[in-house]
Amino acid sequence: MDNREKELIERVLAGDAAAFEPLVTPYRGALIGLAVRIVPNLEDAKEVAQEALFKAFRYLRGCDPELGFRNWLFQIVVNTARDHRRREGDAARRLAAAVSDWDRPPAGDDPVTRLEKSQAKIRLRECLDILSDREREVFWLREIEELSVADTARALKSSSISVRVHLNRARGKVLRRFRAKYPDLTGEDR
């Protein structure tokens, strides 16, 4: 660890949060590069790198001067990416289980209503194919399961900001895909 890094760390620990930015700026690209090798989706890798920076800020007191700031930071990225990959697998299994439950016909509806709901579900599923895994999970939990942003963030072990960003992207992609595939249902063919 060089003297500049030691000085910036001391300033952050003394309460100067603005000193954290120049401390991590030289490593931002490398953090994303490392994360994308563990979590192949670029958007997820950016999220992992951001989460690692939050952890580094929060646990800066634990930085081992012998290990060096750069190596310590990379260790956090690797651990965060591995956790993310593990969570993604768990979330994918939960989502698959939810989809299988969703496919069951609703009890009590008349046959025409069941058919309409079934067709709507098929159309929606076709539009969800365009989403990344994270966008699909967020969209499903918010729009289908109707969880709050905070509950969705907790379920995915993510931040509320990340949930909002992924939900916004997902909604836009689904809407564009739906309009392109079903212009007759959206009035886009006029």
Protein backbone atom coordinates (compact mmCIF):
# COMPACT_ATOMS: atom_id res chain seq x y z
CA MET A 1 0.00 0.00 0.00
CA ASP A 2 1.51 3.34 -0.97
CA ASN A 3 1.57 6.49 1.15
CA ARG A 4 -1.22 8.13 -0.86
CA GLU A 5 -3.57 5.21 -0.21
CA LYS A 6 -2.66 5.20 3.50
CA GLU A 7 -3.38 8.93 3.70
CA LEU A 8 -6.73 8.59 1.92
CA ILE A 9 -7.74 5.66 4.13
CA GLU A 10 -6.86 7.67 7.24
CA ARG A 11 -8.96 10.58 5.97
CA VAL A 12 -11.96 8.32 5.28
CA LEU A 13 -11.65 6.71 8.70
CA ALA A 14 -11.47 10.19 10.25
CA GLY A 15 -14.84 11.03 8.69
CA ASP A 16 -13.89 12.50 5.30
CA ALA A 17 -16.13 10.35 3.08
CA ALA A 18 -15.11 12.37 0.00
CA ALA A 19 -11.61 10.86 0.27
CA PHE A 20 -13.03 7.46 -0.64
CA GLU A 21 -13.64 8.41 -4.29
CA PRO A 22 -10.00 9.16 -5.17
CA LEU A 23 -9.01 6.03 -3.26
CA VAL A 24 -11.12 3.70 -5.43
CA THR A 25 -11.18 5.55 -8.77
CA PRO A 26 -7.96 3.94 -10.10
CA TYR A 27 -9.49 0.48 -9.58
CA ARG A 28 -13.04 0.90 -10.93
CA GLY A 29 -12.36 -0.58 -14.37
CA ALA A 30 -10.37 -3.46 -12.92
CA LEU A 31 -13.14 -4.23 -10.41
CA ILE A 32 -15.74 -4.53 -13.16
CA GLY A 33 -13.30 -6.55 -15.28
CA LEU A 34 -12.74 -8.98 -12.44
CA ALA A 35 -16.44 -9.21 -11.60
CA VAL A 36 -17.44 -9.90 -15.21
CA ARG A 37 -15.14 -12.92 -15.27
CA ILE A 38 -17.03 -14.42 -12.33
CA VAL A 39 -20.50 -13.08 -13.14
CA PRO A 40 -20.64 -13.10 -16.97
CA ASN A 41 -23.51 -10.61 -17.33
CA LEU A 42 -22.06 -7.08 -17.59
CA GLU A 43 -24.96 -5.42 -15.76
CA ASP A 44 -24.66 -7.90 -12.90
CA ALA A 45 -20.88 -7.40 -12.85
CA LYS A 46 -21.38 -3.64 -12.50
CA GLU A 47 -23.79 -4.28 -9.66
CA VAL A 48 -21.26 -6.60 -7.99
CA ALA A 49 -18.51 -3.99 -8.31
CA GLN A 50 -20.78 -1.33 -6.82
CA GLU A 51 -21.78 -3.59 -3.94
CA ALA A 52 -18.09 -4.38 -3.33
CA LEU A 53 -17.33 -0.66 -3.12
CA PHE A 54 -20.09 -0.22 -0.54
CA LYS A 55 -18.61 -3.07 1.48
CA ALA A 56 -15.11 -1.63 1.17
CA PHE A 57 -16.33 1.72 2.47
CA ARG A 58 -18.26 0.11 5.30
CA TYR A 59 -15.43 -2.19 6.40
CA LEU A 60 -12.46 0.00 5.58
CA ARG A 61 -11.16 -0.39 9.15
CA GLY A 62 -10.58 -4.06 8.34
CA CYS A 63 -8.20 -3.32 5.47
CA ASP A 64 -4.94 -5.13 6.14
CA PRO A 65 -1.98 -2.86 5.28
CA GLU A 66 0.13 -5.98 4.65
CA LEU A 67 -2.32 -7.23 2.05
CA GLY A 68 -2.57 -3.81 0.41
CA PHE A 69 -5.69 -1.85 -0.45
CA ARG A 70 -5.88 -3.05 -4.06
CA ASN A 71 -5.66 -6.73 -3.13
CA TRP A 72 -8.09 -6.28 -0.26
CA LEU A 73 -10.54 -4.59 -2.62
CA PHE A 74 -10.18 -7.37 -5.19
CA GLN A 75 -10.80 -9.95 -2.48
CA ILE A 76 -14.06 -8.20 -1.63
CA VAL A 77 -15.06 -8.22 -5.33
CA VAL A 78 -14.35 -11.94 -5.67
CA ASN A 79 -16.34 -12.79 -2.54
CA THR A 80 -19.20 -10.50 -3.56
CA ALA A 81 -19.29 -12.00 -7.07
CA ARG A 82 -19.34 -15.53 -5.69
CA ASP A 83 -22.17 -14.60 -3.32
CA HIS A 84 -24.01 -13.00 -6.23
CA ARG A 85 -23.61 -16.11 -8.38
CA ARG A 86 -24.87 -18.28 -5.52
CA ARG A 87 -27.88 -15.96 -4.98
CA GLU A 88 -28.63 -16.01 -8.70
CA GLY A 89 -28.84 -19.81 -8.62
CA ASP A 90 -31.17 -19.71 -5.61
CA ALA A 91 -33.31 -17.01 -7.20
CA ALA A 92 -33.50 -18.93 -10.49
CA ARG A 93 -34.78 -22.01 -8.64
CA ARG A 94 -37.38 -19.90 -6.78
CA LEU A 95 -38.45 -18.28 -10.05
CA ALA A 96 -38.80 -21.67 -11.78
CA ALA A 97 -41.00 -22.88 -8.91
CA ALA A 98 -43.12 -19.73 -9.12
CA VAL A 99 -43.56 -20.14 -12.88
CA SER A 100 -44.75 -23.72 -12.44
CA ASP A 101 -47.29 -22.56 -9.82
CA TRP A 102 -48.36 -19.71 -12.10
CA ASP A 103 -49.12 -22.18 -14.90
CA ARG A 104 -51.85 -23.91 -12.91
CA PRO A 105 -55.32 -22.85 -14.09
CA PRO A 106 -57.15 -20.63 -11.61
CA ALA A 107 -59.94 -22.41 -9.77
CA GLY A 108 -63.47 -21.08 -9.98
CA ASP A 109 -63.21 -19.06 -13.20
CA ASP A 110 -65.45 -19.86 -16.13
CA PRO A 111 -63.75 -21.48 -19.18
CA VAL A 112 -63.62 -18.25 -21.22
CA THR A 113 -61.97 -16.31 -18.39
CA ARG A 114 -59.47 -19.14 -17.83
CA LEU A 115 -58.62 -19.12 -21.55
CA GLU A 116 -58.13 -15.33 -21.59
CA LYS A 117 -55.90 -15.47 -18.51
CA SER A 118 -53.94 -18.35 -20.00
CA GLN A 119 -53.37 -16.46 -23.28
CA ALA A 120 -52.30 -13.34 -21.38
CA LYS A 121 -49.79 -15.39 -19.39
CA ILE A 122 -48.37 -16.93 -22.56
CA ARG A 123 -47.97 -13.50 -24.15
CA LEU A 124 -46.31 -12.11 -21.04
CA ARG A 125 -43.93 -15.06 -20.78
CA GLU A 126 -42.88 -14.53 -24.42
CA CYS A 127 -42.11 -10.91 -23.62
CA LEU A 128 -40.11 -11.81 -20.51
CA ASP A 129 -37.66 -13.85 -22.58
CA ILE A 130 -35.88 -10.65 -23.60
CA LEU A 131 -34.94 -9.77 -20.00
CA SER A 132 -31.69 -10.56 -18.22
CA ASP A 133 -31.99 -12.97 -15.29
CA ARG A 134 -31.88 -10.12 -12.77
CA GLU A 135 -34.46 -8.02 -14.67
CA ARG A 136 -36.75 -11.05 -14.92
CA GLU A 137 -36.46 -11.75 -11.19
CA VAL A 138 -37.16 -8.14 -10.25
CA PHE A 139 -40.04 -7.87 -12.72
CA TRP A 140 -41.57 -11.10 -11.48
CA LEU A 141 -41.33 -10.22 -7.80
CA ARG A 142 -42.62 -6.66 -8.26
CA GLU A 143 -45.24 -7.08 -10.99
CA ILE A 144 -46.48 -10.65 -10.56
CA GLU A 145 -45.87 -11.33 -6.87
CA GLU A 146 -46.52 -7.63 -6.05
CA LEU A 147 -43.72 -7.34 -3.49
CA SER A 148 -42.65 -3.87 -2.42
CA VAL A 149 -39.30 -2.49 -3.61
CA ALA A 150 -37.85 -3.08 -0.14
CA ASP A 151 -39.13 -6.67 0.04
CA THR A 152 -37.86 -7.37 -3.48
CA ALA A 153 -34.45 -6.01 -2.53
CA ARG A 154 -34.39 -8.22 0.57
CA ALA A 155 -35.49 -11.29 -1.39
CA LEU A 156 -32.75 -10.78 -3.98
CA LYS A 157 -30.21 -9.55 -1.43
CA SER A 158 -29.83 -6.38 -3.45
CA SER A 159 -30.25 -2.66 -2.89
CA SER A 160 -33.53 -0.81 -3.40
CA ILE A 161 -31.83 1.37 -5.99
CA SER A 162 -30.75 -1.70 -7.94
CA VAL A 163 -34.31 -3.05 -7.83
CA ARG A 164 -35.69 0.24 -9.17
CA VAL A 165 -33.12 0.40 -11.97
CA HIS A 166 -33.70 -3.21 -13.05
CA LEU A 167 -37.48 -2.83 -12.81
CA ASN A 168 -37.43 0.31 -14.94
CA ARG A 169 -35.31 -1.42 -17.60
CA ALA A 170 -37.48 -4.52 -17.47
CA ARG A 171 -40.73 -2.58 -17.85
CA GLY A 172 -39.34 -0.70 -20.84
CA LYS A 173 -38.10 -3.87 -22.53
CA VAL A 174 -41.33 -5.77 -21.88
CA LEU A 175 -43.45 -2.88 -23.14
CA ARG A 176 -41.39 -2.49 -26.32
CA ARG A 177 -41.44 -6.25 -26.93
CA PHE A 178 -45.19 -6.48 -26.29
CA ARG A 179 -45.91 -3.59 -28.66
CA ALA A 180 -43.72 -5.18 -31.35
CA LYS A 181 -45.23 -8.66 -30.99
CA TYR A 182 -48.86 -7.70 -30.40
CA PRO A 183 -49.59 -4.39 -32.14
CA ASP A 184 -53.24 -5.41 -32.55
CA LEU A 185 -53.66 -5.57 -28.76
CA THR A 186 -51.92 -2.25 -28.08
CA GLY A 187 -53.40 -0.15 -30.88
CA GLU A 188 -49.94 0.24 -32.45
CA ASP A 189 -51.10 -1.04 -35.86
CA ARG A 190 -53.11 2.06 -36.64
